[in-house]
Protein backbone atom coordinates (compact mmCIF):
# COMPACT_ATOMS: atom_id res chain seq x y z
CA MET A 1 0.00 0.00 0.00
CA LYS A 2 2.86 2.36 0.84
CA ILE A 3 4.50 1.67 -2.54
CA ILE A 4 1.26 2.55 -4.35
CA SER A 5 0.93 5.86 -2.48
CA VAL A 6 4.55 6.79 -3.29
CA PHE A 7 3.92 5.92 -6.94
CA MET A 8 0.81 8.13 -6.99
CA LEU A 9 2.78 11.00 -5.45
CA LEU A 10 5.46 10.67 -8.12
CA ILE A 11 2.83 10.80 -10.89
CA TYR A 12 1.14 13.78 -9.22
CA TRP A 13 4.36 15.78 -8.92
CA SER A 14 5.45 14.97 -12.47
CA ILE A 15 2.10 16.30 -13.74
CA MET A 16 2.39 19.43 -11.58
CA ILE A 17 5.89 20.10 -12.94
CA THR A 18 5.17 19.41 -16.61
CA ALA A 19 1.69 21.03 -16.83
CA PRO A 20 2.91 24.68 -16.74
CA VAL A 21 5.58 23.91 -19.35
CA MET A 22 3.05 22.26 -21.65
CA SER A 23 0.59 25.14 -21.24
CA LYS A 24 3.30 27.67 -22.16
CA ASN A 25 4.13 25.69 -25.31
CA SER A 26 0.46 25.45 -26.30
CA ILE A 27 -0.01 29.21 -25.78
CA LYS A 28 3.00 29.90 -28.04
CA ASN A 29 1.54 27.59 -30.70
CA LEU A 30 -1.82 29.38 -30.51
CA ASN A 31 -0.11 32.75 -30.96
CA LYS A 32 1.73 31.41 -34.03
CA ASP A 33 -1.57 30.16 -35.48
CA ARG A 34 -3.21 33.55 -34.89
CA LYS A 35 -0.38 35.35 -36.67
CA ILE A 36 -0.67 32.99 -39.66
CA VAL A 37 -4.46 33.52 -39.81
CA SER A 38 -4.13 37.31 -39.47
CA ASN A 39 -1.66 37.42 -42.37
CA PHE A 40 -4.31 35.89 -44.63
């Protein structure tokens, strides 16, 4: 049971660390798409 809880904590922290990075990348991609659309 203790191993499962540690595993869940590792997954939780990895998501918490990578989520802001992924959201920044997606925002940059959206801005690129808007610039492409505005050029047309």
